[in-house]
Amino acid sequence: MGPRSLASQLAAVLEGATASFTLGLVDADGARTVGCSELAASAWGFAAQCRTDGARPGDVIAIAWRHDAQAIAAWAGAVLGGFVPTFVPPEDPDLQQRLGTAVRLTVGPGTPPWPTAASGRPVPAPEVAIVQRTSGTTGVHRTIALSHARVLAQTDALASALALDPRHDRIASCLPLHHDMGLVSTVLLPLLHGVPCIHVDPALWRADAPEWLRVLSSTAATLTWLPPAALARMTRLPFGGDTDLSALRQVVCGGEVVTDSVLREFVAHFAATGLRAEAVGTGWGMAENVAAVTHSPPGRAPSRLRVHAASFAPGHAVGTAPLDHDVDVLTLVAAGPPIHGTEVRIGADGGHGEDVVGELHVRGICQADPDVWSATGDVGLVHAGEVFVCGRLAELLHVDGRWILPHEAEQAAASVDGVRPGRVAAIGDGQGGFVVLFEREPGHEVGVAPVADAVERRVHRRPQVVCVAADSLPRNTAGKSCRSRCTAP
């Protein structure tokens, strides 16, 4: 038997190794379920259609649907046929320019339906298994070619970190497929491990967030992934007395820095639904590591570390704050320990000790070169074997001798009534100060003084505050804030 490949493992699932696998899809047209045999027939049919259209093993197939059974079937078919699939956002105006000439076929809305086909023999793509893009949060999108070994190492390690059980777990997601968190948690994990998955179109989540709650409740989902801004938005949503989130054994919060207040408010808001505090976990990932780098263990709440805010500075050890001390304290939330086969340390040479703030470096079996320590651009520290991620190193604010975490200022601003959740950016002004830009909730009037007051109380430095037009703050295709593309007035 040859080495494991993405194609052979996927074929084993689709050919009935886990007959309970189903794919649920929820969008503006309603809900439907696709069974394993139906998905397999469509996937094998797509592989045959690609060959008919002239694709050869190793060719890249770009898939530009949002959330649709065709999107998943096309992705699976490309893998089975020896091609290299990549999800791309259909709304990206520079899509064709980004894809370049390496792409053999692009499929999406308007693509004629293809015939189904019987199962065949899976053909592993040579060398590269899939291609994914970085999020573009701090710069331009980059494409990353991932080998079979890296993809399988990631899914195996993540399945272990989650204690994944195909007999009892059900994944639900409203994440875009072209984002690494969405790709791994809602495509790779369920397809390669035979776990039922319900996809909610991200457009529906943006238009009707309560529908997302109804899906979580009605399907008794056990696992889901959400960024902090989504948790913050959900804490402002009403819910009916029949909402039941007790089946959730982990809501994995990641994609951006996770704060203690967001987690606490989310748990408190949904406590009446049966959601348990220990069911809200954390993780830290990067596309260069396929996805996850760390993951908090299921069954317990993430670890916290209380430190004196004034002691937070790159190259220095943080000073821990006692429990009875609440003045000028930062509560850092652990992203969990590294997943199996991955290591994390502070600094290029690893000479920094525990609790020292610095740039996080990663190496391991999910990297392009497993023996090389790679700089991540993220700042944080390691404490008691767990990684605490504090943001992007280049985005730290240094004001009057004090280091400020942008998300702390942004969260303080977002606590003001009328400020739109997730639509705040704290950036340097180029003159030693900083600016907080925010968008208003529709129908609300918000003065800049209350926002400045809230930020100053949190970070002990007063910003300039500017209210900007709705939807004007730049965001990447995964919905993350792009501070680097914001301009101070």
Protein backbone atom coordinates (compact mmCIF):
# COMPACT_ATOMS: atom_id res chain seq x y z
CA MET A 1 0.00 0.00 0.00
CA GLY A 2 1.37 3.42 -0.94
CA PRO A 3 1.47 6.48 1.29
CA ARG A 4 -1.81 7.96 2.49
CA SER A 5 -3.27 10.57 0.22
CA LEU A 6 -6.12 13.03 0.46
CA ALA A 7 -7.84 11.22 -2.43
CA SER A 8 -7.67 7.73 -0.92
CA GLN A 9 -8.93 8.85 2.50
CA LEU A 10 -11.78 10.83 0.96
CA ALA A 11 -12.76 7.87 -1.25
CA ALA A 12 -12.91 5.58 1.79
CA VAL A 13 -15.44 7.88 3.48
CA LEU A 14 -17.58 8.41 0.38
CA GLU A 15 -17.63 4.69 -0.43
CA GLY A 16 -19.44 3.96 2.80
CA ALA A 17 -16.79 3.56 5.50
CA THR A 18 -19.00 5.96 7.50
CA ALA A 19 -22.50 5.59 6.11
CA SER A 20 -23.92 8.11 8.63
CA PHE A 21 -22.17 11.02 6.90
CA THR A 22 -24.56 13.66 5.57
CA LEU A 23 -24.17 17.19 4.29
CA GLY A 24 -26.74 19.78 5.37
CA LEU A 25 -27.16 23.07 3.53
CA VAL A 26 -29.15 26.10 4.72
CA ASP A 27 -29.57 29.26 2.65
CA ALA A 28 -32.25 31.77 1.68
CA ASP A 29 -34.10 29.04 -0.26
CA GLY A 30 -34.44 26.78 2.79
CA ALA A 31 -32.74 23.66 4.13
CA ARG A 32 -31.85 20.40 2.42
CA THR A 33 -29.73 17.34 3.13
CA VAL A 34 -27.37 15.52 0.78
CA GLY A 35 -26.50 11.95 1.63
CA CYS A 36 -23.15 10.26 1.24
CA SER A 37 -24.09 8.31 -1.93
CA GLU A 38 -25.55 11.40 -3.63
CA LEU A 39 -22.47 13.47 -2.84
CA ALA A 40 -20.16 10.68 -4.03
CA ALA A 41 -22.00 10.29 -7.36
CA SER A 42 -21.81 14.03 -7.99
CA ALA A 43 -18.14 14.17 -6.99
CA TRP A 44 -17.13 11.32 -9.28
CA GLY A 45 -19.17 12.93 -12.05
CA PHE A 46 -17.31 16.20 -11.59
CA ALA A 47 -13.97 14.39 -11.80
CA ALA A 48 -15.04 12.85 -15.10
CA GLN A 49 -16.27 16.21 -16.40
CA CYS A 50 -12.91 17.83 -15.60
CA ARG A 51 -11.15 15.17 -17.65
CA THR A 52 -13.59 15.75 -20.50
CA ASP A 53 -12.84 19.47 -20.32
CA GLY A 54 -9.14 18.78 -20.73
CA ALA A 55 -7.89 18.94 -17.14
CA ARG A 56 -4.90 16.78 -16.29
CA PRO A 57 -3.68 15.44 -12.91
CA GLY A 58 -2.13 18.26 -10.93
CA ASP A 59 -4.15 21.02 -12.64
CA VAL A 60 -5.72 23.59 -10.31
CA ILE A 61 -9.53 23.80 -10.25
CA ALA A 62 -10.90 27.05 -8.78
CA ILE A 63 -14.31 26.72 -7.13
CA ALA A 64 -16.16 30.02 -6.82
CA TRP A 65 -19.52 29.02 -5.34
CA ARG A 66 -20.57 30.24 -1.91
CA HIS A 67 -22.24 27.46 0.11
CA ASP A 68 -23.82 24.87 -2.13
CA ALA A 69 -23.83 21.11 -2.59
CA GLN A 70 -22.18 21.73 -5.96
CA ALA A 71 -19.29 23.52 -4.28
CA ILE A 72 -18.58 20.60 -1.92
CA ALA A 73 -19.10 18.00 -4.66
CA ALA A 74 -16.77 19.87 -7.02
CA TRP A 75 -14.09 20.13 -4.33
CA ALA A 76 -14.37 16.41 -3.53
CA GLY A 77 -14.44 15.48 -7.22
CA ALA A 78 -11.32 17.49 -7.94
CA VAL A 79 -9.51 15.64 -5.14
CA LEU A 80 -10.71 12.22 -6.32
CA GLY A 81 -9.75 12.94 -9.92
CA GLY A 82 -6.16 13.94 -9.15
CA PHE A 83 -6.73 17.67 -9.56
CA VAL A 84 -5.92 20.45 -7.08
CA PRO A 85 -9.00 22.27 -5.77
CA THR A 86 -9.02 25.77 -4.34
CA PHE A 87 -12.02 27.67 -2.98
CA VAL A 88 -12.14 31.31 -4.01
CA PRO A 89 -14.61 34.08 -3.05
CA PRO A 90 -16.94 34.71 -5.98
CA GLU A 91 -17.37 38.35 -4.98
CA ASP A 92 -13.64 39.11 -5.25
CA PRO A 93 -13.38 41.77 -8.02
CA ASP A 94 -9.75 40.84 -8.72
CA LEU A 95 -10.43 37.10 -8.79
CA GLN A 96 -9.15 36.36 -12.27
CA GLN A 97 -6.02 38.45 -11.70
CA ARG A 98 -5.32 36.66 -8.42
CA LEU A 99 -5.82 33.22 -9.96
CA GLY A 100 -3.44 33.83 -12.83
CA THR A 101 -2.62 31.25 -15.48
CA ALA A 102 -1.98 28.37 -13.10
CA VAL A 103 -5.71 27.59 -12.89
CA ARG A 104 -6.98 25.13 -15.48
CA LEU A 105 -10.71 25.49 -14.79
CA THR A 106 -12.90 27.89 -12.82
CA VAL A 107 -16.38 26.69 -11.83
CA GLY A 108 -19.16 28.46 -9.99
CA PRO A 109 -22.56 30.08 -10.55
CA GLY A 110 -23.49 29.62 -14.19
CA THR A 111 -21.50 26.41 -14.63
CA PRO A 112 -23.71 23.84 -16.40
CA PRO A 113 -24.65 20.84 -14.23
CA TRP A 114 -22.52 17.77 -14.78
CA PRO A 115 -23.72 14.16 -14.88
CA THR A 116 -23.26 11.84 -11.93
CA ALA A 117 -20.92 8.87 -12.21
CA ALA A 118 -20.17 5.60 -10.46
CA SER A 119 -17.26 5.35 -8.05
CA GLY A 120 -13.87 4.90 -9.60
CA ARG A 121 -10.30 4.61 -8.47
CA PRO A 122 -9.03 7.71 -6.65
CA VAL A 123 -6.05 9.41 -8.27
CA PRO A 124 -3.85 11.37 -5.85
CA ALA A 125 -2.72 14.67 -7.29
CA PRO A 126 1.06 14.71 -7.66
CA GLU A 127 2.82 16.55 -4.80
CA VAL A 128 0.30 19.35 -4.18
CA ALA A 129 -3.05 18.24 -2.74
CA ILE A 130 -4.90 21.55 -2.41
CA VAL A 131 -4.27 25.28 -2.70
CA GLN A 132 -5.58 27.85 -0.26
CA ARG A 133 -5.17 31.58 0.16
CA THR A 134 -4.02 33.56 3.16
CA SER A 135 -6.66 35.88 4.59
CA GLY A 136 -5.02 39.11 3.43
CA THR A 137 -5.60 40.77 6.81
CA THR A 138 -2.24 42.53 6.87
CA GLY A 139 -1.39 42.56 3.18
CA VAL A 140 -2.18 41.02 -0.18
CA HIS A 141 -3.59 37.50 -0.47
CA ARG A 142 -0.98 34.81 -1.02
CA THR A 143 -1.62 31.33 -2.33
CA ILE A 144 -0.24 28.38 -0.38
CA ALA A 145 0.26 24.97 -1.95
CA LEU A 146 -0.34 22.18 0.57
CA SER A 147 0.96 18.64 0.24
CA HIS A 148 -1.04 15.52 1.08
CA ALA A 149 1.13 14.93 4.13
CA ARG A 150 0.54 18.44 5.52
CA VAL A 151 -3.22 18.31 5.02
CA LEU A 152 -3.57 14.88 6.61
CA ALA A 153 -1.27 15.81 9.49
CA GLN A 154 -3.46 18.84 10.21
CA THR A 155 -6.76 16.99 10.10
CA ASP A 156 -5.43 14.10 12.19
CA ALA A 157 -4.00 16.47 14.82
CA LEU A 158 -7.14 18.58 14.93
CA ALA A 159 -9.40 15.55 15.16
CA SER A 160 -7.29 14.38 18.11
CA ALA A 161 -7.38 17.81 19.78
CA LEU A 162 -11.18 17.84 19.45
CA ALA A 163 -11.61 14.19 20.47
CA LEU A 164 -13.69 13.96 17.29
CA ASP A 165 -16.30 11.18 17.27
CA PRO A 166 -18.15 10.57 13.96
CA ARG A 167 -20.84 8.61 15.80
CA HIS A 168 -21.92 11.53 17.96
CA ASP A 169 -20.49 14.78 16.58
CA ARG A 170 -22.30 17.13 14.21
CA ILE A 171 -20.49 20.17 12.85
CA ALA A 172 -22.37 23.38 12.02
CA SER A 173 -20.77 26.36 10.33
CA CYS A 174 -21.49 29.74 8.76
CA LEU A 175 -17.84 30.33 7.77
CA PRO A 176 -16.82 31.00 4.17
CA LEU A 177 -15.26 28.00 2.45
CA HIS A 178 -12.29 29.97 1.07
CA HIS A 179 -11.01 30.80 4.58
CA ASP A 180 -8.62 28.35 6.22
CA MET A 181 -10.80 27.95 9.31
CA GLY A 182 -13.86 27.23 7.17
CA LEU A 183 -11.95 24.96 4.80
CA VAL A 184 -10.53 22.73 7.52
CA SER A 185 -13.42 22.69 10.00
CA THR A 186 -16.30 22.37 7.50
CA VAL A 187 -14.78 20.59 4.49
CA LEU A 188 -11.64 18.65 5.40
CA LEU A 189 -12.66 17.41 8.87
CA PRO A 190 -16.18 16.22 8.00
CA LEU A 191 -15.26 14.76 4.62
CA LEU A 192 -12.12 12.97 5.78
CA HIS A 193 -13.53 11.75 9.10
CA GLY A 194 -17.13 11.10 8.13
CA VAL A 195 -18.69 13.66 10.48
CA PRO A 196 -22.10 15.11 9.49
CA CYS A 197 -21.84 18.82 8.72
CA ILE A 198 -24.45 21.56 8.30
CA HIS A 199 -23.38 24.56 6.20
CA VAL A 200 -25.22 27.84 6.63
CA ASP A 201 -24.61 30.34 3.84
CA PRO A 202 -22.55 33.22 5.29
CA ALA A 203 -24.82 35.62 3.39
CA LEU A 204 -27.76 34.30 5.43
CA TRP A 205 -25.80 34.76 8.66
CA ARG A 206 -25.07 38.37 7.75
CA ALA A 207 -28.70 39.04 6.82
CA ASP A 208 -30.46 36.97 9.49
CA ALA A 209 -28.21 35.99 12.39
CA PRO A 210 -31.13 34.51 14.43
CA GLU A 211 -31.45 31.82 11.74
CA TRP A 212 -27.97 30.66 12.72
CA LEU A 213 -29.16 30.15 16.29
CA ARG A 214 -32.15 28.16 15.04
CA VAL A 215 -29.83 25.91 13.04
CA LEU A 216 -27.52 25.29 16.00
CA SER A 217 -30.51 24.44 18.17
CA SER A 218 -32.59 22.37 15.74
CA THR A 219 -29.69 20.22 14.53
CA ALA A 220 -28.23 19.65 18.03
CA ALA A 221 -24.82 20.62 16.66
CA THR A 222 -21.89 19.62 18.85
CA LEU A 223 -19.07 21.63 17.21
CA THR A 224 -18.83 25.01 15.56
CA TRP A 225 -16.18 27.65 14.82
CA LEU A 226 -16.72 31.41 15.13
CA PRO A 227 -14.53 34.53 15.25
CA PRO A 228 -14.80 36.83 18.32
CA ALA A 229 -16.78 39.45 16.38
CA ALA A 230 -19.45 36.82 15.68
CA LEU A 231 -19.68 35.95 19.38
CA ALA A 232 -20.04 39.65 20.21
CA ARG A 233 -22.81 40.02 17.64
CA MET A 234 -24.67 37.00 18.99
CA THR A 235 -24.69 38.41 22.53
CA ARG A 236 -26.96 41.17 21.20
CA LEU A 237 -29.45 38.72 19.70
CA PRO A 238 -32.69 37.74 21.41
CA PHE A 239 -33.57 34.05 21.44
CA GLY A 240 -36.71 32.07 22.04
CA GLY A 241 -37.39 29.88 25.03
CA ASP A 242 -37.10 26.79 22.84
CA THR A 243 -33.48 27.57 21.86
CA ASP A 244 -31.34 24.66 23.05
CA LEU A 245 -27.55 24.86 22.81
CA SER A 246 -26.87 22.15 25.37
CA ALA A 247 -25.54 19.76 22.72
CA LEU A 248 -22.63 22.07 21.89
CA ARG A 249 -19.50 20.56 23.37
CA GLN A 250 -17.19 23.16 21.87
CA VAL A 251 -17.65 26.52 20.22
CA VAL A 252 -14.13 27.18 18.93
CA CYS A 253 -13.40 30.90 18.94
CA GLY A 254 -10.46 31.99 16.79
CA GLY A 255 -9.38 33.88 13.71
CA GLU A 256 -8.65 37.00 15.77
CA VAL A 257 -7.52 37.72 19.31
CA VAL A 258 -10.03 36.29 21.80
CA THR A 259 -10.78 38.42 24.85
CA ASP A 260 -12.04 37.39 28.25
CA SER A 261 -15.00 39.78 28.18
CA VAL A 262 -16.31 38.46 24.85
CA LEU A 263 -16.23 34.88 26.15
CA ARG A 264 -17.84 35.76 29.48
CA GLU A 265 -20.61 37.83 27.87
CA PHE A 266 -21.36 35.10 25.33
CA VAL A 267 -21.60 32.40 27.99
CA ALA A 268 -23.75 34.57 30.26
CA HIS A 269 -26.10 35.57 27.44
CA PHE A 270 -26.78 31.98 26.38
CA ALA A 271 -26.63 30.27 29.78
CA ALA A 272 -30.42 29.86 29.73
CA THR A 273 -30.14 27.78 26.52
CA GLY A 274 -28.06 25.12 28.26
CA LEU A 275 -24.73 26.37 26.90
CA ARG A 276 -21.96 25.45 29.33
CA ALA A 277 -18.99 27.72 30.07
CA GLU A 278 -16.58 24.85 29.40
CA ALA A 279 -18.10 24.43 25.92
CA VAL A 280 -16.59 27.69 24.65
CA GLY A 281 -12.99 27.06 23.57
CA THR A 282 -10.24 28.85 21.68
CA GLY A 283 -7.70 28.24 18.98
CA TRP A 284 -5.00 30.00 17.02
CA GLY A 285 -4.20 29.23 13.44
CA MET A 286 -2.56 30.37 10.24
CA ALA A 287 -2.92 29.28 6.64
CA GLU A 288 0.82 28.55 6.47
CA ASN A 289 0.22 25.79 9.04
CA VAL A 290 -2.79 24.58 7.02
CA ALA A 291 -5.04 25.99 9.77
CA ALA A 292 -4.77 25.27 13.51
CA VAL A 293 -1.54 25.82 15.44
CA THR A 294 -3.02 25.54 18.93
CA HIS A 295 -6.32 24.35 20.36
CA SER A 296 -7.82 24.50 23.84
CA PRO A 297 -8.83 21.08 25.20
CA PRO A 298 -12.54 20.25 25.04
CA GLY A 299 -14.37 19.97 28.33
CA ARG A 300 -12.77 22.92 30.10
CA ALA A 301 -12.86 26.66 29.73
CA PRO A 302 -9.74 28.30 28.27
CA SER A 303 -7.01 29.27 30.71
CA ARG A 304 -6.69 32.92 31.70
CA LEU A 305 -3.62 34.90 32.74
CA ARG A 306 -4.08 38.20 34.60
CA VAL A 307 -1.17 40.58 34.11
CA HIS A 308 -0.39 44.21 34.93
CA ALA A 309 -1.18 46.11 31.72
CA ALA A 310 1.76 48.46 32.23
CA SER A 311 4.15 45.46 32.24
CA PHE A 312 3.11 44.32 28.75
CA ALA A 313 6.02 45.15 26.44
CA PRO A 314 7.89 43.21 23.74
CA GLY A 315 11.05 41.63 25.10
CA HIS A 316 9.91 41.82 28.72
CA ALA A 317 8.25 39.36 31.06
CA VAL A 318 4.72 40.28 32.08
CA GLY A 319 3.97 40.80 35.75
CA THR A 320 1.09 38.64 36.93
CA ALA A 321 -1.64 40.40 38.87
CA PRO A 322 -3.16 38.90 42.04
CA LEU A 323 -6.87 38.03 42.02
CA ASP A 324 -7.71 40.86 44.44
CA HIS A 325 -6.12 43.45 42.15
CA ASP A 326 -8.39 44.88 39.43
CA VAL A 327 -6.75 48.19 38.55
CA ASP A 328 -5.10 48.39 35.10
CA VAL A 329 -5.15 44.63 34.57
CA LEU A 330 -5.08 42.74 31.28
CA THR A 331 -6.79 39.34 31.26
CA LEU A 332 -5.16 37.28 28.54
CA VAL A 333 -6.97 34.22 27.19
CA ALA A 334 -4.99 31.13 26.24
CA ALA A 335 -5.34 29.77 22.71
CA GLY A 336 -4.46 26.35 24.11
CA PRO A 337 -1.38 24.16 23.72
CA PRO A 338 0.11 23.38 20.29
CA ILE A 339 -1.61 20.59 18.36
CA HIS A 340 0.22 17.29 17.87
CA GLY A 341 3.37 17.61 15.78
CA THR A 342 3.60 21.39 16.18
CA GLU A 343 5.87 23.50 18.41
CA VAL A 344 5.63 27.18 19.38
CA ARG A 345 8.27 29.41 20.94
CA ILE A 346 9.03 33.09 21.42
CA GLY A 347 11.73 34.65 19.27
CA ALA A 348 13.83 33.33 16.41
CA ASP A 349 16.39 31.69 18.69
CA GLY A 350 13.97 30.54 21.38
CA GLY A 351 16.07 32.19 24.07
CA HIS A 352 13.13 33.90 25.74
CA GLY A 353 11.74 32.31 28.87
CA GLU A 354 8.19 31.78 30.02
CA ASP A 355 5.91 34.83 30.19
CA VAL A 356 8.20 36.94 27.96
CA VAL A 357 6.32 38.90 25.29
CA GLY A 358 7.63 38.51 21.75
CA GLU A 359 7.00 37.27 18.24
CA LEU A 360 5.61 33.75 18.05
CA HIS A 361 7.53 31.23 15.94
CA VAL A 362 6.17 27.87 14.76
CA ARG A 363 7.59 24.66 13.37
CA GLY A 364 6.15 21.20 12.79
CA ILE A 365 4.69 18.65 10.45
CA CYS A 366 2.05 21.00 9.03
CA GLN A 367 4.70 23.46 7.81
CA ALA A 368 6.36 23.48 4.39
CA ASP A 369 9.67 22.59 6.08
CA PRO A 370 9.02 20.82 9.39
CA ASP A 371 12.53 21.54 10.66
CA VAL A 372 12.48 25.33 10.22
CA TRP A 373 11.14 27.78 12.80
CA SER A 374 8.83 30.19 10.96
CA ALA A 375 8.09 33.72 12.15
CA THR A 376 4.33 34.32 12.35
CA GLY A 377 4.11 38.09 12.74
CA ASP A 378 1.93 37.50 15.81
CA VAL A 379 2.92 38.68 19.26
CA GLY A 380 2.26 36.72 22.43
CA LEU A 381 3.78 34.61 25.18
CA VAL A 382 3.92 31.04 26.44
CA HIS A 383 2.77 30.19 29.95
CA ALA A 384 2.44 26.72 31.51
CA GLY A 385 2.64 25.06 28.09
CA GLU A 386 -0.15 27.14 26.57
CA VAL A 387 0.13 29.89 23.98
CA PHE A 388 -1.36 33.33 24.59
CA VAL A 389 -1.79 35.24 21.34
CA CYS A 390 -2.07 39.02 21.70
CA GLY A 391 -2.33 40.28 18.12
CA ARG A 392 -0.15 41.31 15.21
CA LEU A 393 3.28 42.60 16.19
CA ALA A 394 3.15 45.37 13.57
CA GLU A 395 -0.21 46.60 14.87
CA LEU A 396 0.76 47.17 18.51
CA LEU A 397 0.28 50.78 19.56
CA HIS A 398 3.03 52.56 21.51
CA VAL A 399 1.65 55.73 23.09
CA ASP A 400 3.46 57.82 25.72
CA GLY A 401 5.67 54.92 26.79
CA ARG A 402 2.83 52.41 27.03
CA TRP A 403 2.10 49.46 24.74
CA ILE A 404 -1.56 49.13 23.84
CA LEU A 405 -3.25 46.11 22.27
CA PRO A 406 -5.53 47.43 19.50
CA HIS A 407 -8.30 44.97 20.25
CA GLU A 408 -8.51 46.25 23.84
CA ALA A 409 -9.21 49.78 22.58
CA GLU A 410 -11.62 48.46 19.95
CA GLN A 411 -13.57 46.36 22.41
CA ALA A 412 -13.88 49.32 24.78
CA ALA A 413 -15.26 51.41 21.92
CA ALA A 414 -17.66 48.65 20.89
CA SER A 415 -19.11 48.57 24.43
CA VAL A 416 -20.68 51.99 23.81
CA ASP A 417 -24.33 51.68 22.83
CA GLY A 418 -24.82 52.32 19.13
CA VAL A 419 -21.32 51.33 18.02
CA ARG A 420 -21.53 48.55 15.45
CA PRO A 421 -19.93 45.30 16.72
CA GLY A 422 -16.86 44.28 14.76
CA ARG A 423 -16.75 47.61 12.96
CA VAL A 424 -14.05 49.38 14.97
CA ALA A 425 -10.36 49.89 14.20
CA ALA A 426 -7.63 51.30 16.45
CA ILE A 427 -4.54 52.50 14.56
CA GLY A 428 -1.53 54.75 15.12
CA ASP A 429 -1.77 58.33 13.93
CA GLY A 430 1.88 58.57 12.88
CA GLN A 431 2.59 61.19 15.52
CA GLY A 432 2.87 59.10 18.68
CA GLY A 433 -0.86 58.94 19.35
CA PHE A 434 -3.68 56.73 18.12
CA VAL A 435 -7.06 56.95 16.46
CA VAL A 436 -10.21 54.88 16.95
CA LEU A 437 -12.43 54.63 13.87
CA PHE A 438 -15.95 53.25 14.29
CA GLU A 439 -19.20 52.70 12.42
CA ARG A 440 -22.62 53.33 13.93
CA GLU A 441 -25.45 50.86 14.16
CA PRO A 442 -28.25 51.85 11.76
CA GLY A 443 -30.64 54.30 13.42
CA HIS A 444 -28.27 55.19 16.27
CA GLU A 445 -26.53 58.44 17.10
CA VAL A 446 -23.18 58.08 18.87
CA GLY A 447 -21.01 60.95 20.05
CA VAL A 448 -17.23 60.67 19.83
CA ALA A 449 -16.71 61.76 23.47
CA PRO A 450 -18.38 58.67 25.05
CA VAL A 451 -16.29 56.44 22.81
CA ALA A 452 -13.07 58.25 23.74
CA ASP A 453 -14.01 58.04 27.43
CA ALA A 454 -14.62 54.28 27.22
CA VAL A 455 -11.30 53.68 25.47
CA GLU A 456 -9.36 55.85 27.90
CA ARG A 457 -10.83 53.99 30.87
CA ARG A 458 -9.65 50.71 29.38
CA VAL A 459 -6.17 51.56 28.05
CA HIS A 460 -5.26 54.69 30.06
CA ARG A 461 -4.53 56.73 26.98
CA ARG A 462 -7.04 58.96 25.20
CA PRO A 463 -7.50 58.50 21.46
CA GLN A 464 -8.76 60.70 18.72
CA VAL A 465 -12.15 59.24 17.70
CA VAL A 466 -13.75 59.39 14.28
CA CYS A 467 -17.14 58.06 13.21
CA VAL A 468 -16.91 56.78 9.63
CA ALA A 469 -19.50 55.85 7.04
CA ALA A 470 -21.24 52.48 7.22
CA ASP A 471 -19.26 49.61 5.68
CA SER A 472 -16.26 51.87 5.01
CA LEU A 473 -13.78 50.14 7.33
CA PRO A 474 -11.81 47.67 5.20
CA ARG A 475 -12.27 43.97 5.83
CA ASN A 476 -10.81 40.92 4.15
CA THR A 477 -12.80 38.23 2.35
CA ALA A 478 -13.15 36.28 5.61
CA GLY A 479 -14.70 39.29 7.33
CA LYS A 480 -11.70 40.24 9.49
CA SER A 481 -10.81 43.85 10.18
CA CYS A 482 -7.85 45.09 8.14
CA ARG A 483 -6.20 47.73 10.33
CA SER A 484 -3.22 47.98 8.00
CA ARG A 485 -5.50 49.33 5.28
CA CYS A 486 -7.09 51.97 7.50
CA THR A 487 -5.87 55.56 7.24
CA ALA A 488 -5.74 58.00 10.13
CA PRO A 489 -7.48 61.33 9.37
